[in-house]
Amino acid sequence: MTGLEIALGAVGQEASRIRTHGEDYNAALEPLRARGDGVSSFGDDGLFAMFTSMYAECRAVSMAALDGLSAVMAETGDGLHAVIRNTHDGEAASTEDIQRLGGTWL
Protein backbone atom coordinates (compact mmCIF):
# COMPACT_ATOMS: atom_id res chain seq x y z
CA MET A 1 0.00 0.00 0.00
CA THR A 2 1.26 3.47 -0.73
CA GLY A 3 0.42 6.45 1.40
CA LEU A 4 -0.88 6.11 4.93
CA GLU A 5 -0.55 2.82 6.76
CA ILE A 6 -1.86 2.26 10.26
CA ALA A 7 -0.97 -0.58 12.62
CA LEU A 8 -4.49 -0.88 13.98
CA GLY A 9 -3.60 -3.27 16.81
CA ALA A 10 -0.94 -0.93 18.13
CA VAL A 11 -3.20 2.09 17.75
CA GLY A 12 -5.93 0.28 19.68
CA GLN A 13 -3.57 -0.58 22.53
CA GLU A 14 -2.24 2.96 22.76
CA ALA A 15 -5.75 4.42 22.51
CA SER A 16 -6.82 2.37 25.51
CA ARG A 17 -3.69 3.36 27.42
CA ILE A 18 -4.15 7.06 26.71
CA ARG A 19 -7.81 6.88 27.72
CA THR A 20 -6.83 5.10 30.95
CA HIS A 21 -4.15 7.72 31.67
CA GLY A 22 -6.77 10.45 31.31
CA GLU A 23 -9.09 8.66 33.72
CA ASP A 24 -6.24 8.02 36.19
CA TYR A 25 -5.13 11.65 35.95
CA ASN A 26 -8.68 12.80 36.65
CA ALA A 27 -8.93 10.44 39.65
CA ALA A 28 -5.64 11.80 41.01
CA LEU A 29 -7.20 15.27 41.05
CA GLU A 30 -10.05 14.16 43.34
CA PRO A 31 -8.13 14.79 46.60
CA LEU A 32 -7.37 18.32 45.37
CA ARG A 33 -11.02 18.92 44.49
CA ALA A 34 -12.07 17.64 47.91
CA ARG A 35 -10.07 20.40 49.56
CA GLY A 36 -12.44 23.02 48.20
CA ASP A 37 -11.01 26.45 47.46
CA GLY A 38 -7.87 25.79 49.49
CA VAL A 39 -8.25 28.86 51.69
CA SER A 40 -11.45 28.30 53.67
CA SER A 41 -9.53 26.42 56.33
CA PHE A 42 -7.21 29.38 56.96
CA GLY A 43 -9.73 30.98 59.30
CA ASP A 44 -8.64 34.38 58.03
CA ASP A 45 -10.22 37.40 59.71
CA GLY A 46 -9.57 39.59 56.68
CA LEU A 47 -5.92 40.38 57.34
CA PHE A 48 -4.73 38.13 54.51
CA ALA A 49 -7.81 38.49 52.29
CA MET A 50 -5.80 39.81 49.36
CA PHE A 51 -3.42 36.84 49.49
CA THR A 52 -6.09 34.22 50.04
CA SER A 53 -8.21 35.53 47.18
CA MET A 54 -5.19 35.44 44.83
CA TYR A 55 -4.34 31.94 46.02
CA ALA A 56 -7.93 30.75 45.54
CA GLU A 57 -8.01 32.21 42.02
CA CYS A 58 -4.67 30.63 41.07
CA ARG A 59 -5.83 27.32 42.45
CA ALA A 60 -9.12 27.50 40.54
CA VAL A 61 -7.31 28.26 37.26
CA SER A 62 -4.79 25.48 37.88
CA MET A 63 -7.53 22.96 38.66
CA ALA A 64 -9.41 23.95 35.52
CA ALA A 65 -6.26 23.47 33.46
CA LEU A 66 -5.51 20.08 35.02
CA ASP A 67 -9.12 18.98 34.59
CA GLY A 68 -8.97 20.07 30.95
CA LEU A 69 -5.76 18.13 30.44
CA SER A 70 -7.31 14.93 31.78
CA ALA A 71 -10.32 15.44 29.48
CA VAL A 72 -8.08 15.96 26.45
CA MET A 73 -6.15 12.77 27.24
CA ALA A 74 -9.39 10.79 27.45
CA GLU A 75 -10.73 12.40 24.25
CA THR A 76 -7.46 11.59 22.45
CA GLY A 77 -7.90 7.93 23.34
CA ASP A 78 -11.48 8.06 22.10
CA GLY A 79 -10.31 9.76 18.90
CA LEU A 80 -7.76 7.03 18.24
CA HIS A 81 -10.51 4.43 18.66
CA ALA A 82 -12.51 6.39 16.07
CA VAL A 83 -9.51 6.19 13.71
CA ILE A 84 -9.61 2.41 13.98
CA ARG A 85 -13.36 2.27 13.29
CA ASN A 86 -13.04 4.66 10.34
CA THR A 87 -10.12 2.71 8.90
CA HIS A 88 -12.04 -0.56 9.15
CA ASP A 89 -15.09 1.05 7.54
CA GLY A 90 -12.98 2.58 4.75
CA GLU A 91 -11.22 -0.69 4.02
CA ALA A 92 -14.53 -2.58 3.97
CA ALA A 93 -16.06 -0.03 1.60
CA SER A 94 -13.03 -0.17 -0.70
CA THR A 95 -13.08 -3.97 -0.77
CA GLU A 96 -16.78 -3.97 -1.53
CA ASP A 97 -16.35 -1.45 -4.36
CA ILE A 98 -13.49 -3.43 -5.91
CA GLN A 99 -15.47 -6.66 -5.70
CA ARG A 100 -18.46 -4.97 -7.31
CA LEU A 101 -16.23 -3.87 -10.17
CA GLY A 102 -14.91 -7.43 -10.54
CA GLY A 103 -11.37 -6.60 -9.40
CA THR A 104 -9.20 -8.17 -6.75
CA TRP A 105 -6.71 -6.84 -4.25
CA LEU A 106 -3.14 -7.21 -5.35
C-alpha atoms as a PDB file:
ATOM      1  CA  MET A   1       0.000   0.000   0.000  1.00  0.00           C
ATOM      2  CA  THR A   2       1.255   3.472  -0.731  1.00  0.00           C
ATOM      3  CA  GLY A   3       0.422   6.450   1.397  1.00  0.00           C
ATOM      4  CA  LEU A   4      -0.882   6.106   4.931  1.00  0.00           C
ATOM      5  CA  GLU A   5      -0.548   2.823   6.758  1.00  0.00           C
ATOM      6  CA  ILE A   6      -1.861   2.259  10.265  1.00  0.00           C
ATOM      7  CA  ALA A   7      -0.973  -0.580  12.619  1.00  0.00           C
ATOM      8  CA  LEU A   8      -4.494  -0.880  13.981  1.00  0.00           C
ATOM      9  CA  GLY A   9      -3.601  -3.266  16.806  1.00  0.00           C
ATOM     10  CA  ALA A  10      -0.936  -0.932  18.130  1.00  0.00           C
ATOM     11  CA  VAL A  11      -3.205   2.092  17.748  1.00  0.00           C
ATOM     12  CA  GLY A  12      -5.931   0.278  19.679  1.00  0.00           C
ATOM     13  CA  GLN A  13      -3.574  -0.581  22.527  1.00  0.00           C
ATOM     14  CA  GLU A  14      -2.244   2.960  22.760  1.00  0.00           C
ATOM     15  CA  ALA A  15      -5.754   4.423  22.506  1.00  0.00           C
ATOM     16  CA  SER A  16      -6.819   2.369  25.509  1.00  0.00           C
ATOM     17  CA  ARG A  17      -3.687   3.359  27.420  1.00  0.00           C
ATOM     18  CA  ILE A  18      -4.148   7.061  26.713  1.00  0.00           C
ATOM     19  CA  ARG A  19      -7.813   6.876  27.720  1.00  0.00           C
ATOM     20  CA  THR A  20      -6.826   5.105  30.953  1.00  0.00           C
ATOM     21  CA  HIS A  21      -4.147   7.718  31.666  1.00  0.00           C
ATOM     22  CA  GLY A  22      -6.767  10.447  31.306  1.00  0.00           C
ATOM     23  CA  GLU A  23      -9.087   8.662  33.724  1.00  0.00           C
ATOM     24  CA  ASP A  24      -6.241   8.024  36.190  1.00  0.00           C
ATOM     25  CA  TYR A  25      -5.134  11.646  35.946  1.00  0.00           C
ATOM     26  CA  ASN A  26      -8.676  12.796  36.654  1.00  0.00           C
ATOM     27  CA  ALA A  27      -8.925  10.437  39.651  1.00  0.00           C
ATOM     28  CA  ALA A  28      -5.640  11.802  41.013  1.00  0.00           C
ATOM     29  CA  LEU A  29      -7.204  15.272  41.051  1.00  0.00           C
ATOM     30  CA  GLU A  30     -10.053  14.161  43.335  1.00  0.00           C
ATOM     31  CA  PRO A  31      -8.135  14.792  46.599  1.00  0.00           C
ATOM     32  CA  LEU A  32      -7.374  18.316  45.374  1.00  0.00           C
ATOM     33  CA  ARG A  33     -11.025  18.916  44.487  1.00  0.00           C
ATOM     34  CA  ALA A  34     -12.069  17.635  47.915  1.00  0.00           C
ATOM     35  CA  ARG A  35     -10.067  20.399  49.561  1.00  0.00           C
ATOM     36  CA  GLY A  36     -12.435  23.017  48.203  1.00  0.00           C
ATOM     37  CA  ASP A  37     -11.009  26.446  47.459  1.00  0.00           C
ATOM     38  CA  GLY A  38      -7.874  25.789  49.489  1.00  0.00           C
ATOM     39  CA  VAL A  39      -8.251  28.856  51.686  1.00  0.00           C
ATOM     40  CA  SER A  40     -11.453  28.303  53.671  1.00  0.00           C
ATOM     41  CA  SER A  41      -9.533  26.422  56.325  1.00  0.00           C
ATOM     42  CA  PHE A  42      -7.210  29.380  56.960  1.00  0.00           C
ATOM     43  CA  GLY A  43      -9.734  30.985  59.302  1.00  0.00           C
ATOM     44  CA  ASP A  44      -8.641  34.379  58.034  1.00  0.00           C
ATOM     45  CA  ASP A  45     -10.223  37.396  59.710  1.00  0.00           C
ATOM     46  CA  GLY A  46      -9.567  39.588  56.683  1.00  0.00           C
ATOM     47  CA  LEU A  47      -5.923  40.381  57.343  1.00  0.00           C
ATOM     48  CA  PHE A  48      -4.734  38.132  54.509  1.00  0.00           C
ATOM     49  CA  ALA A  49      -7.810  38.493  52.295  1.00  0.00           C
ATOM     50  CA  MET A  50      -5.797  39.805  49.361  1.00  0.00           C
ATOM     51  CA  PHE A  51      -3.416  36.844  49.492  1.00  0.00           C
ATOM     52  CA  THR A  52      -6.087  34.217  50.043  1.00  0.00           C
ATOM     53  CA  SER A  53      -8.210  35.534  47.178  1.00  0.00           C
ATOM     54  CA  MET A  54      -5.195  35.440  44.826  1.00  0.00           C
ATOM     55  CA  TYR A  55      -4.342  31.938  46.022  1.00  0.00           C
ATOM     56  CA  ALA A  56      -7.929  30.754  45.544  1.00  0.00           C
ATOM     57  CA  GLU A  57      -8.014  32.208  42.024  1.00  0.00           C
ATOM     58  CA  CYS A  58      -4.667  30.634  41.066  1.00  0.00           C
ATOM     59  CA  ARG A  59      -5.825  27.322  42.453  1.00  0.00           C
ATOM     60  CA  ALA A  60      -9.120  27.495  40.538  1.00  0.00           C
ATOM     61  CA  VAL A  61      -7.308  28.261  37.259  1.00  0.00           C
ATOM     62  CA  SER A  62      -4.788  25.479  37.883  1.00  0.00           C
ATOM     63  CA  MET A  63      -7.528  22.962  38.664  1.00  0.00           C
ATOM     64  CA  ALA A  64      -9.408  23.953  35.524  1.00  0.00           C
ATOM     65  CA  ALA A  65      -6.256  23.467  33.457  1.00  0.00           C
ATOM     66  CA  LEU A  66      -5.509  20.081  35.015  1.00  0.00           C
ATOM     67  CA  ASP A  67      -9.120  18.980  34.588  1.00  0.00           C
ATOM     68  CA  GLY A  68      -8.972  20.071  30.947  1.00  0.00           C
ATOM     69  CA  LEU A  69      -5.765  18.133  30.445  1.00  0.00           C
ATOM     70  CA  SER A  70      -7.314  14.927  31.777  1.00  0.00           C
ATOM     71  CA  ALA A  71     -10.323  15.440  29.481  1.00  0.00           C
ATOM     72  CA  VAL A  72      -8.075  15.961  26.452  1.00  0.00           C
ATOM     73  CA  MET A  73      -6.153  12.773  27.239  1.00  0.00           C
ATOM     74  CA  ALA A  74      -9.393  10.790  27.450  1.00  0.00           C
ATOM     75  CA  GLU A  75     -10.728  12.399  24.248  1.00  0.00           C
ATOM     76  CA  THR A  76      -7.465  11.594  22.446  1.00  0.00           C
ATOM     77  CA  GLY A  77      -7.898   7.928  23.339  1.00  0.00           C
ATOM     78  CA  ASP A  78     -11.484   8.063  22.100  1.00  0.00           C
ATOM     79  CA  GLY A  79     -10.310   9.757  18.898  1.00  0.00           C
ATOM     80  CA  LEU A  80      -7.764   7.029  18.240  1.00  0.00           C
ATOM     81  CA  HIS A  81     -10.506   4.426  18.659  1.00  0.00           C
ATOM     82  CA  ALA A  82     -12.510   6.388  16.071  1.00  0.00           C
ATOM     83  CA  VAL A  83      -9.506   6.194  13.707  1.00  0.00           C
ATOM     84  CA  ILE A  84      -9.606   2.414  13.978  1.00  0.00           C
ATOM     85  CA  ARG A  85     -13.360   2.274  13.285  1.00  0.00           C
ATOM     86  CA  ASN A  86     -13.044   4.659  10.345  1.00  0.00           C
ATOM     87  CA  THR A  87     -10.118   2.707   8.905  1.00  0.00           C
ATOM     88  CA  HIS A  88     -12.042  -0.564   9.146  1.00  0.00           C
ATOM     89  CA  ASP A  89     -15.086   1.053   7.539  1.00  0.00           C
ATOM     90  CA  GLY A  90     -12.979   2.577   4.753  1.00  0.00           C
ATOM     91  CA  GLU A  91     -11.223  -0.694   4.020  1.00  0.00           C
ATOM     92  CA  ALA A  92     -14.533  -2.581   3.968  1.00  0.00           C
ATOM     93  CA  ALA A  93     -16.064  -0.031   1.597  1.00  0.00           C
ATOM     94  CA  SER A  94     -13.031  -0.169  -0.702  1.00  0.00           C
ATOM     95  CA  THR A  95     -13.077  -3.968  -0.767  1.00  0.00           C
ATOM     96  CA  GLU A  96     -16.784  -3.973  -1.531  1.00  0.00           C
ATOM     97  CA  ASP A  97     -16.353  -1.455  -4.356  1.00  0.00           C
ATOM     98  CA  ILE A  98     -13.492  -3.431  -5.915  1.00  0.00           C
ATOM     99  CA  GLN A  99     -15.467  -6.658  -5.702  1.00  0.00           C
ATOM    100  CA  ARG A 100     -18.465  -4.967  -7.306  1.00  0.00           C
ATOM    101  CA  LEU A 101     -16.234  -3.873 -10.173  1.00  0.00           C
ATOM    102  CA  GLY A 102     -14.905  -7.426 -10.542  1.00  0.00           C
ATOM    103  CA  GLY A 103     -11.369  -6.604  -9.402  1.00  0.00           C
ATOM    104  CA  THR A 104      -9.199  -8.174  -6.750  1.00  0.00           C
ATOM    105  CA  TRP A 105      -6.707  -6.839  -4.248  1.00  0.00           C
ATOM    106  CA  LEU A 106      -3.140  -7.210  -5.352  1.00  0.00           C
END
